[in-house]
Amino acid sequence: MIENPQTPTPVDPSTPADPPAPAEPQAFAEPPRRKLIDATTWKFILVGIVNTIVGTSVMFLAYNWLGFGYWVSSALNYIIGSIVSFVLNKYFTFQNKERSLRQVWLFILNIAVCYLVAYGLAKPLVYALTSGLSVKVADNLSMGLGMILFVALNYAGQRFVVFASKTDATRK
């Protein structure tokens, strides 16, 4: 019998189908990463704006209306501002439900370390890069740079240490 090349050969149902082709190997597959600038970043910035308005208002109210001195007024700014920052960032920005004294101490430590590092780096850096400027101008530039460094370090500390979720902690 001559087979017609146009006639399909019958398929035996007991014969297994061809296995699927293996997937292409991914030699450099990257683990999923979270973006550093995402919705959380924008919430942190919004909280920072609210925090700045509240803290600055307290400082000037205490100094100009209540007659408190410079140091007491500016200290109230940081104390009240830090409390506002803790509450808003914990519950709004990072939506953290943990209730612990350890977290409060981590927050205080984070603020202190960020302040010391940011302002400790800013002043010598500005002075090294801007020789010839008056002390007043250099100090103002240093304070501006210190603020920028503080915000960046504080965000990283709050996001990845103080208010880190359990999944963040297990990725370390």
C-alpha atoms as a PDB file:
ATOM      1  CA  MET A   1       0.000   0.000   0.000  1.00  0.00           C
ATOM      2  CA  ILE A   2       1.296   3.388  -0.980  1.00  0.00           C
ATOM      3  CA  GLU A   3       0.767   6.096   1.581  1.00  0.00           C
ATOM      4  CA  ASN A   4      -0.495   9.420   0.454  1.00  0.00           C
ATOM      5  CA  PRO A   5       1.734  12.156   1.815  1.00  0.00           C
ATOM      6  CA  GLN A   6      -1.363  14.330   2.240  1.00  0.00           C
ATOM      7  CA  THR A   7      -3.023  11.860   4.573  1.00  0.00           C
ATOM      8  CA  PRO A   8      -2.179  12.481   8.200  1.00  0.00           C
ATOM      9  CA  THR A   9      -0.889   9.570  10.191  1.00  0.00           C
ATOM     10  CA  PRO A  10      -3.265   8.469  12.900  1.00  0.00           C
ATOM     11  CA  VAL A  11      -2.382   9.503  16.467  1.00  0.00           C
ATOM     12  CA  ASP A  12      -2.309   6.778  19.067  1.00  0.00           C
ATOM     13  CA  PRO A  13      -4.036   8.205  22.206  1.00  0.00           C
ATOM     14  CA  SER A  14      -1.901   6.023  24.463  1.00  0.00           C
ATOM     15  CA  THR A  15       1.270   7.735  23.204  1.00  0.00           C
ATOM     16  CA  PRO A  16       2.213  10.717  25.388  1.00  0.00           C
ATOM     17  CA  ALA A  17       2.462  14.091  23.715  1.00  0.00           C
ATOM     18  CA  ASP A  18       5.836  15.673  23.205  1.00  0.00           C
ATOM     19  CA  PRO A  19       7.068  17.337  26.385  1.00  0.00           C
ATOM     20  CA  PRO A  20       7.106  21.132  26.321  1.00  0.00           C
ATOM     21  CA  ALA A  21      10.387  22.747  25.374  1.00  0.00           C
ATOM     22  CA  PRO A  22      12.463  23.776  28.373  1.00  0.00           C
ATOM     23  CA  ALA A  23      12.311  27.438  29.292  1.00  0.00           C
ATOM     24  CA  GLU A  24      15.256  29.628  28.455  1.00  0.00           C
ATOM     25  CA  PRO A  25      17.553  29.770  31.470  1.00  0.00           C
ATOM     26  CA  GLN A  26      17.927  33.210  33.026  1.00  0.00           C
ATOM     27  CA  ALA A  27      21.521  33.441  34.099  1.00  0.00           C
ATOM     28  CA  PHE A  28      21.169  36.865  35.676  1.00  0.00           C
ATOM     29  CA  ALA A  29      17.618  36.880  36.964  1.00  0.00           C
ATOM     30  CA  GLU A  30      17.276  39.699  39.455  1.00  0.00           C
ATOM     31  CA  PRO A  31      15.257  39.336  42.624  1.00  0.00           C
ATOM     32  CA  PRO A  32      12.247  41.635  42.790  1.00  0.00           C
ATOM     33  CA  ARG A  33      13.247  45.033  44.118  1.00  0.00           C
ATOM     34  CA  ARG A  34      11.193  47.779  45.621  1.00  0.00           C
ATOM     35  CA  LYS A  35      11.643  51.198  44.167  1.00  0.00           C
ATOM     36  CA  LEU A  36      13.370  53.689  46.435  1.00  0.00           C
ATOM     37  CA  ILE A  37      11.090  56.470  45.179  1.00  0.00           C
ATOM     38  CA  ASP A  38       7.512  55.244  45.313  1.00  0.00           C
ATOM     39  CA  ALA A  39       4.223  56.194  47.001  1.00  0.00           C
ATOM     40  CA  THR A  40       5.880  55.837  50.406  1.00  0.00           C
ATOM     41  CA  THR A  41       8.466  58.449  49.424  1.00  0.00           C
ATOM     42  CA  TRP A  42       5.768  60.936  48.460  1.00  0.00           C
ATOM     43  CA  LYS A  43       3.865  60.292  51.690  1.00  0.00           C
ATOM     44  CA  PHE A  44       7.091  60.898  53.637  1.00  0.00           C
ATOM     45  CA  ILE A  45       7.568  64.223  51.835  1.00  0.00           C
ATOM     46  CA  LEU A  46       3.953  65.219  52.577  1.00  0.00           C
ATOM     47  CA  VAL A  47       4.437  64.359  56.263  1.00  0.00           C
ATOM     48  CA  GLY A  48       7.644  66.403  56.208  1.00  0.00           C
ATOM     49  CA  ILE A  49       5.747  69.434  54.927  1.00  0.00           C
ATOM     50  CA  VAL A  50       3.075  69.064  57.628  1.00  0.00           C
ATOM     51  CA  ASN A  51       5.763  68.455  60.237  1.00  0.00           C
ATOM     52  CA  THR A  52       7.673  71.583  59.150  1.00  0.00           C
ATOM     53  CA  ILE A  53       4.552  73.748  59.323  1.00  0.00           C
ATOM     54  CA  VAL A  54       3.615  72.431  62.785  1.00  0.00           C
ATOM     55  CA  GLY A  55       7.147  72.609  64.224  1.00  0.00           C
ATOM     56  CA  THR A  56       7.892  76.055  62.817  1.00  0.00           C
ATOM     57  CA  SER A  57       4.547  77.386  64.055  1.00  0.00           C
ATOM     58  CA  VAL A  58       5.245  76.054  67.554  1.00  0.00           C
ATOM     59  CA  MET A  59       8.731  77.585  67.541  1.00  0.00           C
ATOM     60  CA  PHE A  60       7.629  81.073  66.488  1.00  0.00           C
ATOM     61  CA  LEU A  61       4.538  80.998  68.714  1.00  0.00           C
ATOM     62  CA  ALA A  62       6.671  80.008  71.711  1.00  0.00           C
ATOM     63  CA  TYR A  63       9.300  82.653  70.960  1.00  0.00           C
ATOM     64  CA  ASN A  64       7.141  85.607  69.892  1.00  0.00           C
ATOM     65  CA  TRP A  65       3.878  85.151  71.782  1.00  0.00           C
ATOM     66  CA  LEU A  66       4.776  83.104  74.830  1.00  0.00           C
ATOM     67  CA  GLY A  67       8.104  84.843  75.441  1.00  0.00           C
ATOM     68  CA  PHE A  68      10.206  81.648  75.575  1.00  0.00           C
ATOM     69  CA  GLY A  69      13.884  81.988  74.756  1.00  0.00           C
ATOM     70  CA  TYR A  70      15.685  80.982  71.574  1.00  0.00           C
ATOM     71  CA  TRP A  71      16.862  77.549  72.769  1.00  0.00           C
ATOM     72  CA  VAL A  72      13.571  76.553  74.406  1.00  0.00           C
ATOM     73  CA  SER A  73      11.582  77.653  71.351  1.00  0.00           C
ATOM     74  CA  SER A  74      13.825  75.840  68.870  1.00  0.00           C
ATOM     75  CA  ALA A  75      13.912  72.740  71.106  1.00  0.00           C
ATOM     76  CA  LEU A  76      10.098  72.721  71.197  1.00  0.00           C
ATOM     77  CA  ASN A  77      10.174  72.787  67.391  1.00  0.00           C
ATOM     78  CA  TYR A  78      12.214  69.562  67.289  1.00  0.00           C
ATOM     79  CA  ILE A  79      10.350  67.880  70.150  1.00  0.00           C
ATOM     80  CA  ILE A  80       6.851  68.602  68.820  1.00  0.00           C
ATOM     81  CA  GLY A  81       8.002  68.070  65.233  1.00  0.00           C
ATOM     82  CA  SER A  82       9.483  64.679  66.097  1.00  0.00           C
ATOM     83  CA  ILE A  83       6.286  63.565  67.829  1.00  0.00           C
ATOM     84  CA  VAL A  84       4.201  64.617  64.805  1.00  0.00           C
ATOM     85  CA  SER A  85       6.696  62.907  62.492  1.00  0.00           C
ATOM     86  CA  PHE A  86       6.628  59.665  64.481  1.00  0.00           C
ATOM     87  CA  VAL A  87       2.839  59.419  64.568  1.00  0.00           C
ATOM     88  CA  LEU A  88       2.215  60.408  60.936  1.00  0.00           C
ATOM     89  CA  ASN A  89       5.042  58.326  59.485  1.00  0.00           C
ATOM     90  CA  LYS A  90       4.192  55.284  61.599  1.00  0.00           C
ATOM     91  CA  TYR A  91       0.498  55.167  60.759  1.00  0.00           C
ATOM     92  CA  PHE A  92       0.176  57.083  57.456  1.00  0.00           C
ATOM     93  CA  THR A  93       3.458  56.744  55.565  1.00  0.00           C
ATOM     94  CA  PHE A  94       4.621  53.278  56.554  1.00  0.00           C
ATOM     95  CA  GLN A  95       1.273  51.920  57.885  1.00  0.00           C
ATOM     96  CA  ASN A  96       3.096  50.182  60.708  1.00  0.00           C
ATOM     97  CA  LYS A  97       0.935  48.476  63.341  1.00  0.00           C
ATOM     98  CA  GLU A  98       3.715  47.410  65.711  1.00  0.00           C
ATOM     99  CA  ARG A  99       3.365  48.720  69.262  1.00  0.00           C
ATOM    100  CA  SER A 100       6.676  48.688  71.061  1.00  0.00           C
ATOM    101  CA  LEU A 101       8.901  50.868  73.158  1.00  0.00           C
ATOM    102  CA  ARG A 102      11.819  49.524  71.111  1.00  0.00           C
ATOM    103  CA  GLN A 103      10.394  51.253  68.038  1.00  0.00           C
ATOM    104  CA  VAL A 104      10.181  54.582  69.883  1.00  0.00           C
ATOM    105  CA  TRP A 105      13.834  54.263  70.945  1.00  0.00           C
ATOM    106  CA  LEU A 106      14.859  53.323  67.401  1.00  0.00           C
ATOM    107  CA  PHE A 107      13.066  56.431  66.146  1.00  0.00           C
ATOM    108  CA  ILE A 108      14.839  58.681  68.672  1.00  0.00           C
ATOM    109  CA  LEU A 109      18.193  57.059  67.878  1.00  0.00           C
ATOM    110  CA  ASN A 110      17.546  57.432  64.147  1.00  0.00           C
ATOM    111  CA  ILE A 111      16.780  61.152  64.513  1.00  0.00           C
ATOM    112  CA  ALA A 112      19.914  61.718  66.628  1.00  0.00           C
ATOM    113  CA  VAL A 113      22.243  59.750  64.337  1.00  0.00           C
ATOM    114  CA  CYS A 114      20.848  61.360  61.185  1.00  0.00           C
ATOM    115  CA  TYR A 115      21.238  64.823  62.712  1.00  0.00           C
ATOM    116  CA  LEU A 116      24.829  64.237  63.819  1.00  0.00           C
ATOM    117  CA  VAL A 117      25.901  62.614  60.545  1.00  0.00           C
ATOM    118  CA  ALA A 118      24.125  65.104  58.271  1.00  0.00           C
ATOM    119  CA  TYR A 119      25.252  68.272  59.990  1.00  0.00           C
ATOM    120  CA  GLY A 120      28.636  66.764  60.873  1.00  0.00           C
ATOM    121  CA  LEU A 121      29.331  66.117  57.179  1.00  0.00           C
ATOM    122  CA  ALA A 122      27.710  69.258  55.793  1.00  0.00           C
ATOM    123  CA  LYS A 123      29.819  71.887  57.528  1.00  0.00           C
ATOM    124  CA  PRO A 124      33.305  70.582  56.679  1.00  0.00           C
ATOM    125  CA  LEU A 125      32.177  69.735  53.140  1.00  0.00           C
ATOM    126  CA  VAL A 126      30.796  73.219  52.487  1.00  0.00           C
ATOM    127  CA  TYR A 127      33.852  74.870  54.041  1.00  0.00           C
ATOM    128  CA  ALA A 128      36.156  72.728  51.877  1.00  0.00           C
ATOM    129  CA  LEU A 129      34.266  73.572  48.690  1.00  0.00           C
ATOM    130  CA  THR A 130      33.573  77.267  49.294  1.00  0.00           C
ATOM    131  CA  SER A 131      36.738  78.909  50.553  1.00  0.00           C
ATOM    132  CA  GLY A 132      36.499  82.668  50.408  1.00  0.00           C
ATOM    133  CA  LEU A 133      32.869  82.971  51.490  1.00  0.00           C
ATOM    134  CA  SER A 134      31.960  84.721  54.704  1.00  0.00           C
ATOM    135  CA  VAL A 135      31.370  82.527  57.738  1.00  0.00           C
ATOM    136  CA  LYS A 136      27.714  83.547  57.782  1.00  0.00           C
ATOM    137  CA  VAL A 137      27.138  82.515  54.152  1.00  0.00           C
ATOM    138  CA  ALA A 138      29.104  79.266  54.558  1.00  0.00           C
ATOM    139  CA  ASP A 139      27.180  78.393  57.728  1.00  0.00           C
ATOM    140  CA  ASN A 140      23.855  79.036  55.987  1.00  0.00           C
ATOM    141  CA  LEU A 141      24.897  76.823  53.064  1.00  0.00           C
ATOM    142  CA  SER A 142      26.014  74.174  55.566  1.00  0.00           C
ATOM    143  CA  MET A 143      22.654  74.273  57.319  1.00  0.00           C
ATOM    144  CA  GLY A 144      20.856  73.937  53.973  1.00  0.00           C
ATOM    145  CA  LEU A 145      22.992  70.968  52.934  1.00  0.00           C
ATOM    146  CA  GLY A 146      22.594  69.499  56.429  1.00  0.00           C
ATOM    147  CA  MET A 147      18.817  69.655  56.056  1.00  0.00           C
ATOM    148  CA  ILE A 148      18.945  67.850  52.707  1.00  0.00           C
ATOM    149  CA  LEU A 149      21.267  65.147  54.041  1.00  0.00           C
ATOM    150  CA  PHE A 150      19.130  64.803  57.174  1.00  0.00           C
ATOM    151  CA  VAL A 151      15.940  64.237  55.169  1.00  0.00           C
ATOM    152  CA  ALA A 152      17.576  61.571  52.967  1.00  0.00           C
ATOM    153  CA  LEU A 153      19.189  59.732  55.892  1.00  0.00           C
ATOM    154  CA  ASN A 154      16.076  60.049  58.059  1.00  0.00           C
ATOM    155  CA  TYR A 155      13.877  58.621  55.299  1.00  0.00           C
ATOM    156  CA  ALA A 156      16.191  55.628  54.848  1.00  0.00           C
ATOM    157  CA  GLY A 157      16.379  55.069  58.609  1.00  0.00           C
ATOM    158  CA  GLN A 158      12.638  55.268  59.149  1.00  0.00           C
ATOM    159  CA  ARG A 159      11.741  53.171  56.104  1.00  0.00           C
ATOM    160  CA  PHE A 160      14.329  50.409  56.431  1.00  0.00           C
ATOM    161  CA  VAL A 161      14.973  50.309  60.193  1.00  0.00           C
ATOM    162  CA  VAL A 162      12.412  51.996  62.451  1.00  0.00           C
ATOM    163  CA  PHE A 163       9.223  51.132  60.547  1.00  0.00           C
ATOM    164  CA  ALA A 164      10.518  48.240  58.419  1.00  0.00           C
ATOM    165  CA  SER A 165       7.861  45.640  57.721  1.00  0.00           C
ATOM    166  CA  LYS A 166       8.431  42.007  58.616  1.00  0.00           C
ATOM    167  CA  THR A 167       9.074  41.191  54.940  1.00  0.00           C
ATOM    168  CA  ASP A 168      11.770  43.881  54.793  1.00  0.00           C
ATOM    169  CA  ALA A 169      13.426  42.440  57.873  1.00  0.00           C
ATOM    170  CA  THR A 170      13.550  38.927  56.401  1.00  0.00           C
ATOM    171  CA  ARG A 171      15.172  40.172  53.171  1.00  0.00           C
ATOM    172  CA  LYS A 172      18.242  41.462  54.971  1.00  0.00           C
END
